[in-house]
Amino acid sequence: MTDTQTQITDATSWRLIRAADRHMWNDEAIDSRQSFPATGSFDLAANAHGMLLVHNDDIVDAGAGFDTHQHRDAEIVTWVVEGALHHRDSQGSEGVLTPGVVQRMSAGSGIRHSERNASTRAENQRLRVVQMWIAPEYSGGTPSYAEADVNEALADGELVTIVSGLDRDASGQALEIGNGYVALHAARLLPDRQVTLPPAPFGHLFVVSGTVTVSGLPDHETPDDHLTLDEGDALRTTGTAALTVTADAPAEILFWEMHTSFDAAHA
């Protein structure tokens, strides 16, 4: 099998996309590594997995970023890995995001915003940020914004639900999102401790940092059903049971649990 691979067993499948195999886009000040091709004339729906349309891992130089631009009908979730991101939008929301603060922006009927590295050129601190777009359950909603600091919740190494539209999470601490079929989980893994990813019709595991081992995949060609993922690797799953993730050293992961696909939701 190649590094970018698909394994299918009856109704289950998984696809591993290595960091080096992602779509790359660069404009000198911004280096975007894209698990789904998002820059240019790409059909986001055609390349979607479940409800996930975009998953970009960007490095942004000090003082650089994205000037004010328009979004519509997208649930945009932002996760800063390194540095700080300054956000400002047409709804009056403005702030600086740092590692461990999750942001959700519902574009709805239309919102304009800018995103920039909060560091000055003199400070010369780079920004690394993961941005993810989920298709909304309904189009034309009211634009909204929310953020939450989840550093304390992540400190014990457990899997934490940080964004969710699922009914089961309505009374929890996760930020609400305008799609009732999805939830985003995060974990800062501790050595020799495991977390269990919930079973899902569609899943997307991304290794933010470190190296992890995933167990429980339906693959007889993988020794002991184990698969090793490194920083920047993404694992897309379809119809899998619960998976376990471990690490020998500190690592960070993001996992989308999705209970429908873009095609099914918009049929």
C-alpha atoms as a PDB file:
ATOM      1  CA  MET A   1       0.000   0.000   0.000  1.00  0.00           C
ATOM      2  CA  THR A   2       1.083   3.585  -0.611  1.00  0.00           C
ATOM      3  CA  ASP A   3       1.142   6.282   2.055  1.00  0.00           C
ATOM      4  CA  THR A   4      -2.132   7.663   0.704  1.00  0.00           C
ATOM      5  CA  GLN A   5      -4.267   4.562   0.899  1.00  0.00           C
ATOM      6  CA  THR A   6      -7.753   3.182   1.245  1.00  0.00           C
ATOM      7  CA  GLN A   7      -8.733  -0.093   2.894  1.00  0.00           C
ATOM      8  CA  ILE A   8     -12.294  -1.386   2.534  1.00  0.00           C
ATOM      9  CA  THR A   9     -13.870  -4.245   4.488  1.00  0.00           C
ATOM     10  CA  ASP A  10     -17.594  -4.763   3.824  1.00  0.00           C
ATOM     11  CA  ALA A  11     -19.322  -1.509   4.941  1.00  0.00           C
ATOM     12  CA  THR A  12     -16.260  -0.051   6.627  1.00  0.00           C
ATOM     13  CA  SER A  13     -13.331   1.812   5.139  1.00  0.00           C
ATOM     14  CA  TRP A  14     -10.440   4.010   6.060  1.00  0.00           C
ATOM     15  CA  ARG A  15      -8.103   6.281   4.173  1.00  0.00           C
ATOM     16  CA  LEU A  16      -4.790   7.549   5.466  1.00  0.00           C
ATOM     17  CA  ILE A  17      -3.454  10.820   4.075  1.00  0.00           C
ATOM     18  CA  ARG A  18       0.125  11.451   5.079  1.00  0.00           C
ATOM     19  CA  ALA A  19       1.192  15.010   5.832  1.00  0.00           C
ATOM     20  CA  ALA A  20       3.449  15.124   2.766  1.00  0.00           C
ATOM     21  CA  ASP A  21       0.569  14.076   0.485  1.00  0.00           C
ATOM     22  CA  ARG A  22      -1.682  16.999   1.391  1.00  0.00           C
ATOM     23  CA  HIS A  23      -2.532  19.704  -1.134  1.00  0.00           C
ATOM     24  CA  MET A  24      -0.023  22.530  -0.700  1.00  0.00           C
ATOM     25  CA  TRP A  25      -0.628  26.241  -1.336  1.00  0.00           C
ATOM     26  CA  ASN A  26       1.812  29.067  -0.650  1.00  0.00           C
ATOM     27  CA  ASP A  27       1.780  32.830  -1.223  1.00  0.00           C
ATOM     28  CA  GLU A  28       5.134  33.527   0.497  1.00  0.00           C
ATOM     29  CA  ALA A  29       3.580  34.760   3.780  1.00  0.00           C
ATOM     30  CA  ILE A  30       1.104  31.886   4.176  1.00  0.00           C
ATOM     31  CA  ASP A  31       1.932  28.191   3.834  1.00  0.00           C
ATOM     32  CA  SER A  32      -1.313  26.178   3.695  1.00  0.00           C
ATOM     33  CA  ARG A  33      -1.268  22.369   4.008  1.00  0.00           C
ATOM     34  CA  GLN A  34      -4.735  21.119   3.040  1.00  0.00           C
ATOM     35  CA  SER A  35      -6.138  17.663   3.816  1.00  0.00           C
ATOM     36  CA  PHE A  36      -8.873  18.532   1.296  1.00  0.00           C
ATOM     37  CA  PRO A  37      -7.922  20.715  -1.699  1.00  0.00           C
ATOM     38  CA  ALA A  38      -9.513  24.063  -0.830  1.00  0.00           C
ATOM     39  CA  THR A  39      -7.583  26.771  -2.676  1.00  0.00           C
ATOM     40  CA  GLY A  40      -8.465  27.376  -6.313  1.00  0.00           C
ATOM     41  CA  SER A  41     -11.358  26.126  -8.399  1.00  0.00           C
ATOM     42  CA  PHE A  42     -12.064  22.970  -6.402  1.00  0.00           C
ATOM     43  CA  ASP A  43     -15.511  21.532  -5.729  1.00  0.00           C
ATOM     44  CA  LEU A  44     -15.557  21.408  -1.922  1.00  0.00           C
ATOM     45  CA  ALA A  45     -18.660  19.188  -1.795  1.00  0.00           C
ATOM     46  CA  ALA A  46     -17.154  16.651  -4.186  1.00  0.00           C
ATOM     47  CA  ASN A  47     -14.042  16.352  -2.025  1.00  0.00           C
ATOM     48  CA  ALA A  48     -15.888  16.307   1.315  1.00  0.00           C
ATOM     49  CA  HIS A  49     -15.727  13.492   3.838  1.00  0.00           C
ATOM     50  CA  GLY A  50     -18.902  13.225   5.869  1.00  0.00           C
ATOM     51  CA  MET A  51     -19.811  16.866   6.537  1.00  0.00           C
ATOM     52  CA  LEU A  52     -16.194  18.086   6.549  1.00  0.00           C
ATOM     53  CA  LEU A  53     -15.446  20.318   3.572  1.00  0.00           C
ATOM     54  CA  VAL A  54     -12.144  21.977   4.498  1.00  0.00           C
ATOM     55  CA  HIS A  55      -9.297  21.050   6.834  1.00  0.00           C
ATOM     56  CA  ASN A  56      -6.360  23.437   6.467  1.00  0.00           C
ATOM     57  CA  ASP A  57      -3.181  23.472   8.535  1.00  0.00           C
ATOM     58  CA  ASP A  58      -1.664  26.927   7.945  1.00  0.00           C
ATOM     59  CA  ILE A  59       1.610  28.590   8.857  1.00  0.00           C
ATOM     60  CA  VAL A  60       1.283  32.390   8.757  1.00  0.00           C
ATOM     61  CA  ASP A  61       4.194  34.817   8.981  1.00  0.00           C
ATOM     62  CA  ALA A  62       4.220  37.607  11.571  1.00  0.00           C
ATOM     63  CA  GLY A  63       2.040  40.522  10.477  1.00  0.00           C
ATOM     64  CA  ALA A  64       0.448  38.513   7.643  1.00  0.00           C
ATOM     65  CA  GLY A  65      -2.941  36.912   7.221  1.00  0.00           C
ATOM     66  CA  PHE A  66      -6.232  37.055   5.360  1.00  0.00           C
ATOM     67  CA  ASP A  67      -7.743  40.496   4.772  1.00  0.00           C
ATOM     68  CA  THR A  68     -11.499  41.016   5.117  1.00  0.00           C
ATOM     69  CA  HIS A  69     -13.408  38.492   3.013  1.00  0.00           C
ATOM     70  CA  GLN A  70     -16.909  37.007   2.768  1.00  0.00           C
ATOM     71  CA  HIS A  71     -18.305  33.647   3.855  1.00  0.00           C
ATOM     72  CA  ARG A  72     -21.792  32.197   3.534  1.00  0.00           C
ATOM     73  CA  ASP A  73     -23.380  28.926   4.678  1.00  0.00           C
ATOM     74  CA  ALA A  74     -20.356  27.439   6.414  1.00  0.00           C
ATOM     75  CA  GLU A  75     -19.662  26.421  10.016  1.00  0.00           C
ATOM     76  CA  ILE A  76     -16.024  27.447  10.476  1.00  0.00           C
ATOM     77  CA  VAL A  77     -14.037  26.076  13.414  1.00  0.00           C
ATOM     78  CA  THR A  78     -10.574  27.458  14.189  1.00  0.00           C
ATOM     79  CA  TRP A  79      -7.901  25.895  16.424  1.00  0.00           C
ATOM     80  CA  VAL A  80      -4.626  27.722  17.079  1.00  0.00           C
ATOM     81  CA  VAL A  81      -1.619  25.456  17.582  1.00  0.00           C
ATOM     82  CA  GLU A  82       1.182  28.012  17.926  1.00  0.00           C
ATOM     83  CA  GLY A  83       1.218  31.789  18.227  1.00  0.00           C
ATOM     84  CA  ALA A  84      -1.879  33.988  18.241  1.00  0.00           C
ATOM     85  CA  LEU A  85      -4.591  34.836  15.707  1.00  0.00           C
ATOM     86  CA  HIS A  86      -6.439  38.163  15.596  1.00  0.00           C
ATOM     87  CA  HIS A  87     -10.075  37.860  14.430  1.00  0.00           C
ATOM     88  CA  ARG A  88     -12.509  40.630  13.491  1.00  0.00           C
ATOM     89  CA  ASP A  89     -15.898  40.234  11.795  1.00  0.00           C
ATOM     90  CA  SER A  90     -18.885  42.209  10.528  1.00  0.00           C
ATOM     91  CA  GLN A  91     -21.024  41.105  13.496  1.00  0.00           C
ATOM     92  CA  GLY A  92     -18.795  43.079  15.866  1.00  0.00           C
ATOM     93  CA  SER A  93     -16.818  40.145  17.251  1.00  0.00           C
ATOM     94  CA  GLU A  94     -13.111  40.766  17.736  1.00  0.00           C
ATOM     95  CA  GLY A  95     -10.435  39.015  19.717  1.00  0.00           C
ATOM     96  CA  VAL A  96      -7.177  37.108  19.833  1.00  0.00           C
ATOM     97  CA  LEU A  97      -7.123  33.314  19.795  1.00  0.00           C
ATOM     98  CA  THR A  98      -4.275  31.377  21.409  1.00  0.00           C
ATOM     99  CA  PRO A  99      -3.595  27.628  21.774  1.00  0.00           C
ATOM    100  CA  GLY A 100      -6.400  25.827  23.581  1.00  0.00           C
ATOM    101  CA  VAL A 101      -9.078  28.352  22.644  1.00  0.00           C
ATOM    102  CA  VAL A 102     -11.564  26.960  20.127  1.00  0.00           C
ATOM    103  CA  GLN A 103     -13.533  29.312  17.906  1.00  0.00           C
ATOM    104  CA  ARG A 104     -16.764  28.644  16.001  1.00  0.00           C
ATOM    105  CA  MET A 105     -18.083  31.092  13.425  1.00  0.00           C
ATOM    106  CA  SER A 106     -21.416  30.369  11.731  1.00  0.00           C
ATOM    107  CA  ALA A 107     -21.408  32.266   8.439  1.00  0.00           C
ATOM    108  CA  GLY A 108     -25.136  31.728   7.818  1.00  0.00           C
ATOM    109  CA  SER A 109     -26.669  34.256   5.424  1.00  0.00           C
ATOM    110  CA  GLY A 110     -23.329  36.040   5.168  1.00  0.00           C
ATOM    111  CA  ILE A 111     -20.471  37.354   7.281  1.00  0.00           C
ATOM    112  CA  ARG A 112     -17.279  39.254   6.545  1.00  0.00           C
ATOM    113  CA  HIS A 113     -14.171  38.767   8.620  1.00  0.00           C
ATOM    114  CA  SER A 114     -10.398  39.077   8.705  1.00  0.00           C
ATOM    115  CA  GLU A 115      -7.830  36.757  10.272  1.00  0.00           C
ATOM    116  CA  ARG A 116      -4.232  37.741  10.858  1.00  0.00           C
ATOM    117  CA  ASN A 117      -1.193  36.680  12.806  1.00  0.00           C
ATOM    118  CA  ALA A 118      -1.419  38.822  15.933  1.00  0.00           C
ATOM    119  CA  SER A 119       2.377  39.028  16.167  1.00  0.00           C
ATOM    120  CA  THR A 120       4.083  42.119  14.786  1.00  0.00           C
ATOM    121  CA  ARG A 121       6.949  41.789  12.346  1.00  0.00           C
ATOM    122  CA  ALA A 122       9.273  43.029  15.089  1.00  0.00           C
ATOM    123  CA  GLU A 123       8.098  40.227  17.420  1.00  0.00           C
ATOM    124  CA  ASN A 124       8.475  37.744  14.542  1.00  0.00           C
ATOM    125  CA  GLN A 125       6.295  34.985  16.063  1.00  0.00           C
ATOM    126  CA  ARG A 126       4.814  32.646  13.498  1.00  0.00           C
ATOM    127  CA  LEU A 127       1.217  31.452  13.677  1.00  0.00           C
ATOM    128  CA  ARG A 128       0.156  27.863  13.115  1.00  0.00           C
ATOM    129  CA  VAL A 129      -3.606  27.417  12.906  1.00  0.00           C
ATOM    130  CA  VAL A 130      -5.944  24.603  11.882  1.00  0.00           C
ATOM    131  CA  GLN A 131      -9.173  25.738  10.256  1.00  0.00           C
ATOM    132  CA  MET A 132     -12.059  23.393   9.475  1.00  0.00           C
ATOM    133  CA  TRP A 133     -15.297  23.990   7.567  1.00  0.00           C
ATOM    134  CA  ILE A 134     -18.432  21.953   8.185  1.00  0.00           C
ATOM    135  CA  ALA A 135     -21.496  22.159   5.945  1.00  0.00           C
ATOM    136  CA  PRO A 136     -24.429  23.681   7.861  1.00  0.00           C
ATOM    137  CA  GLU A 137     -27.586  21.647   8.386  1.00  0.00           C
ATOM    138  CA  TYR A 138     -29.692  24.511   7.008  1.00  0.00           C
ATOM    139  CA  SER A 139     -28.674  27.353   4.714  1.00  0.00           C
ATOM    140  CA  GLY A 140     -29.293  31.042   5.310  1.00  0.00           C
ATOM    141  CA  GLY A 141     -29.078  31.033   9.097  1.00  0.00           C
ATOM    142  CA  THR A 142     -28.209  33.958  11.356  1.00  0.00           C
ATOM    143  CA  PRO A 143     -24.452  34.594  11.490  1.00  0.00           C
ATOM    144  CA  SER A 144     -22.937  34.042  14.942  1.00  0.00           C
ATOM    145  CA  TYR A 145     -19.643  33.663  16.777  1.00  0.00           C
ATOM    146  CA  ALA A 146     -18.458  31.849  19.888  1.00  0.00           C
ATOM    147  CA  GLU A 147     -15.197  30.815  21.504  1.00  0.00           C
ATOM    148  CA  ALA A 148     -14.148  28.825  24.560  1.00  0.00           C
ATOM    149  CA  ASP A 149     -10.916  28.162  26.446  1.00  0.00           C
ATOM    150  CA  VAL A 150     -10.600  24.374  26.840  1.00  0.00           C
ATOM    151  CA  ASN A 151      -7.027  24.205  28.152  1.00  0.00           C
ATOM    152  CA  GLU A 152      -8.111  23.121  31.638  1.00  0.00           C
ATOM    153  CA  ALA A 153     -10.419  20.421  30.282  1.00  0.00           C
ATOM    154  CA  LEU A 154      -7.607  18.996  28.136  1.00  0.00           C
ATOM    155  CA  ALA A 155      -5.022  18.920  30.932  1.00  0.00           C
ATOM    156  CA  ASP A 156      -5.753  15.379  32.143  1.00  0.00           C
ATOM    157  CA  GLY A 157      -5.246  13.744  28.748  1.00  0.00           C
ATOM    158  CA  GLU A 158      -8.861  12.723  28.185  1.00  0.00           C
ATOM    159  CA  LEU A 159     -10.862  13.114  24.964  1.00  0.00           C
ATOM    160  CA  VAL A 160     -12.936  16.305  25.273  1.00  0.00           C
ATOM    161  CA  THR A 161     -15.911  17.303  23.132  1.00  0.00           C
ATOM    162  CA  ILE A 162     -15.193  20.937  22.231  1.00  0.00           C
ATOM    163  CA  VAL A 163     -17.783  21.643  19.499  1.00  0.00           C
ATOM    164  CA  SER A 164     -21.042  19.780  18.923  1.00  0.00           C
ATOM    165  CA  GLY A 165     -24.470  19.953  17.378  1.00  0.00           C
ATOM    166  CA  LEU A 166     -25.503  16.523  18.689  1.00  0.00           C
ATOM    167  CA  ASP A 167     -28.484  16.369  21.067  1.00  0.00           C
ATOM    168  CA  ARG A 168     -26.490  14.302  23.563  1.00  0.00           C
ATOM    169  CA  ASP A 169     -24.079  17.222  24.083  1.00  0.00           C
ATOM    170  CA  ALA A 170     -26.686  19.971  24.398  1.00  0.00           C
ATOM    171  CA  SER A 171     -26.248  20.261  28.168  1.00  0.00           C
ATOM    172  CA  GLY A 172     -22.461  20.051  28.103  1.00  0.00           C
ATOM    173  CA  GLN A 173     -19.684  22.613  27.713  1.00  0.00           C
ATOM    174  CA  ALA A 174     -19.067  22.138  23.977  1.00  0.00           C
ATOM    175  CA  LEU A 175     -19.659  25.104  21.692  1.00  0.00           C
ATOM    176  CA  GLU A 176     -22.843  24.711  19.666  1.00  0.00           C
ATOM    177  CA  ILE A 177     -22.561  24.363  15.898  1.00  0.00           C
ATOM    178  CA  GLY A 178     -25.229  24.691  13.222  1.00  0.00           C
ATOM    179  CA  ASN A 179     -25.233  21.032  12.255  1.00  0.00           C
ATOM    180  CA  GLY A 180     -27.031  18.425  14.348  1.00  0.00           C
ATOM    181  CA  TYR A 181     -24.973  15.524  13.011  1.00  0.00           C
ATOM    182  CA  VAL A 182     -21.421  16.429  14.040  1.00  0.00           C
ATOM    183  CA  ALA A 183     -19.102  16.803  17.019  1.00  0.00           C
ATOM    184  CA  LEU A 184     -15.440  17.789  17.292  1.00  0.00           C
ATOM    185  CA  HIS A 185     -13.296  16.162  19.963  1.00  0.00           C
ATOM    186  CA  ALA A 186      -9.772  17.090  21.077  1.00  0.00           C
ATOM    187  CA  ALA A 187      -7.170  15.411  23.264  1.00  0.00           C
ATOM    188  CA  ARG A 188      -3.687  16.208  24.498  1.00  0.00           C
ATOM    189  CA  LEU A 189      -2.489  12.675  24.973  1.00  0.00           C
ATOM    190  CA  LEU A 190      -0.248  11.718  27.842  1.00  0.00           C
ATOM    191  CA  PRO A 191       2.348   8.932  27.513  1.00  0.00           C
ATOM    192  CA  ASP A 192       1.001   5.404  27.881  1.00  0.00           C
ATOM    193  CA  ARG A 193      -2.585   6.627  28.298  1.00  0.00           C
ATOM    194  CA  GLN A 194      -5.271   5.842  25.742  1.00  0.00           C
ATOM    195  CA  VAL A 195      -8.380   7.624  24.550  1.00  0.00           C
ATOM    196  CA  THR A 196     -11.301   6.023  22.752  1.00  0.00           C
ATOM    197  CA  LEU A 197     -12.734   7.674  19.665  1.00  0.00           C
ATOM    198  CA  PRO A 198     -16.518   7.224  19.447  1.00  0.00           C
ATOM    199  CA  PRO A 199     -17.888   5.027  16.668  1.00  0.00           C
ATOM    200  CA  ALA A 200     -19.194   7.104  13.774  1.00  0.00           C
ATOM    201  CA  PRO A 201     -20.506   6.594  10.243  1.00  0.00           C
ATOM    202  CA  PHE A 202     -17.848   9.144   9.214  1.00  0.00           C
ATOM    203  CA  GLY A 203     -14.760  10.108  11.175  1.00  0.00           C
ATOM    204  CA  HIS A 204     -11.750  12.355  10.594  1.00  0.00           C
ATOM    205  CA  LEU A 205      -8.723  12.047  12.886  1.00  0.00           C
ATOM    206  CA  PHE A 206      -5.958  14.655  12.565  1.00  0.00           C
ATOM    207  CA  VAL A 207      -2.648  14.568  14.403  1.00  0.00           C
ATOM    208  CA  VAL A 208      -1.897  18.140  15.434  1.00  0.00           C
ATOM    209  CA  SER A 209       1.433  17.242  17.033  1.00  0.00           C
ATOM    210  CA  GLY A 210       3.433  14.196  18.039  1.00  0.00           C
ATOM    211  CA  THR A 211       3.026  10.582  16.981  1.00  0.00           C
ATOM    212  CA  VAL A 212       0.058   8.355  17.828  1.00  0.00           C
ATOM    213  CA  THR A 213      -0.968   4.745  17.366  1.00  0.00           C
ATOM    214  CA  VAL A 214      -4.520   3.931  16.287  1.00  0.00           C
ATOM    215  CA  SER A 215      -5.929   0.505  17.132  1.00  0.00           C
ATOM    216  CA  GLY A 216      -9.118  -1.243  16.058  1.00  0.00           C
ATOM    217  CA  LEU A 217      -9.107  -0.558  12.319  1.00  0.00           C
ATOM    218  CA  PRO A 218     -10.707  -3.250  10.131  1.00  0.00           C
ATOM    219  CA  ASP A 219      -7.486  -4.077   8.303  1.00  0.00           C
ATOM    220  CA  HIS A 220      -5.977  -7.531   8.274  1.00  0.00           C
ATOM    221  CA  GLU A 221      -2.866  -6.199   6.531  1.00  0.00           C
ATOM    222  CA  THR A 222      -1.930  -3.916   9.435  1.00  0.00           C
ATOM    223  CA  PRO A 223       0.038  -5.825  12.110  1.00  0.00           C
ATOM    224  CA  ASP A 224      -2.083  -6.225  15.233  1.00  0.00           C
ATOM    225  CA  ASP A 225      -4.642  -3.810  13.734  1.00  0.00           C
ATOM    226  CA  HIS A 226      -2.321  -0.916  14.615  1.00  0.00           C
ATOM    227  CA  LEU A 227      -1.544   2.132  12.512  1.00  0.00           C
ATOM    228  CA  THR A 228       1.006   4.843  13.321  1.00  0.00           C
ATOM    229  CA  LEU A 229       0.236   8.483  12.475  1.00  0.00           C
ATOM    230  CA  ASP A 230       2.618  11.420  12.700  1.00  0.00           C
ATOM    231  CA  GLU A 231       2.105  15.188  12.892  1.00  0.00           C
ATOM    232  CA  GLY A 232      -0.017  16.390   9.970  1.00  0.00           C
ATOM    233  CA  ASP A 233      -1.365  12.939   9.082  1.00  0.00           C
ATOM    234  CA  ALA A 234      -5.139  12.558   8.648  1.00  0.00           C
ATOM    235  CA  LEU A 235      -7.196   9.379   8.922  1.00  0.00           C
ATOM    236  CA  ARG A 236     -10.661   9.317   7.344  1.00  0.00           C
ATOM    237  CA  THR A 237     -12.933   6.501   8.506  1.00  0.00           C
ATOM    238  CA  THR A 238     -16.300   5.236   7.329  1.00  0.00           C
ATOM    239  CA  GLY A 239     -18.482   2.949   9.409  1.00  0.00           C
ATOM    240  CA  THR A 240     -15.817   1.994  11.919  1.00  0.00           C
ATOM    241  CA  ALA A 241     -16.376   0.913  15.499  1.00  0.00           C
ATOM    242  CA  ALA A 242     -14.730   2.719  18.400  1.00  0.00           C
ATOM    243  CA  LEU A 243     -10.983   3.209  17.875  1.00  0.00           C
ATOM    244  CA  THR A 244      -8.317   3.611  20.540  1.00  0.00           C
ATOM    245  CA  VAL A 245      -5.474   6.097  20.272  1.00  0.00           C
ATOM    246  CA  THR A 246      -2.254   6.005  22.306  1.00  0.00           C
ATOM    247  CA  ALA A 247       1.047   7.887  22.317  1.00  0.00           C
ATOM    248  CA  ASP A 248       4.486   7.221  23.792  1.00  0.00           C
ATOM    249  CA  ALA A 249       5.103  10.954  24.236  1.00  0.00           C
ATOM    250  CA  PRO A 250       2.830  13.987  24.491  1.00  0.00           C
ATOM    251  CA  ALA A 251       0.667  14.417  21.387  1.00  0.00           C
ATOM    252  CA  GLU A 252      -2.413  16.355  20.325  1.00  0.00           C
ATOM    253  CA  ILE A 253      -5.305  15.174  18.154  1.00  0.00           C
ATOM    254  CA  LEU A 254      -8.562  16.484  16.709  1.00  0.00           C
ATOM    255  CA  PHE A 255     -11.373  14.082  15.768  1.00  0.00           C
ATOM    256  CA  TRP A 256     -14.586  14.863  13.892  1.00  0.00           C
ATOM    257  CA  GLU A 257     -17.449  12.493  14.663  1.00  0.00           C
ATOM    258  CA  MET A 258     -20.038  12.757  11.867  1.00  0.00           C
ATOM    259  CA  HIS A 259     -23.341  10.936  11.567  1.00  0.00           C
ATOM    260  CA  THR A 260     -24.211  11.777   7.977  1.00  0.00           C
ATOM    261  CA  SER A 261     -22.466  12.785   4.781  1.00  0.00           C
ATOM    262  CA  PHE A 262     -22.706  15.935   2.719  1.00  0.00           C
ATOM    263  CA  ASP A 263     -24.419  14.013  -0.103  1.00  0.00           C
ATOM    264  CA  ALA A 264     -27.012  12.410   2.197  1.00  0.00           C
ATOM    265  CA  ALA A 265     -27.792  15.645   4.028  1.00  0.00           C
ATOM    266  CA  HIS A 266     -28.333  17.548   0.781  1.00  0.00           C
ATOM    267  CA  ALA A 267     -30.140  14.802  -1.166  1.00  0.00           C
END
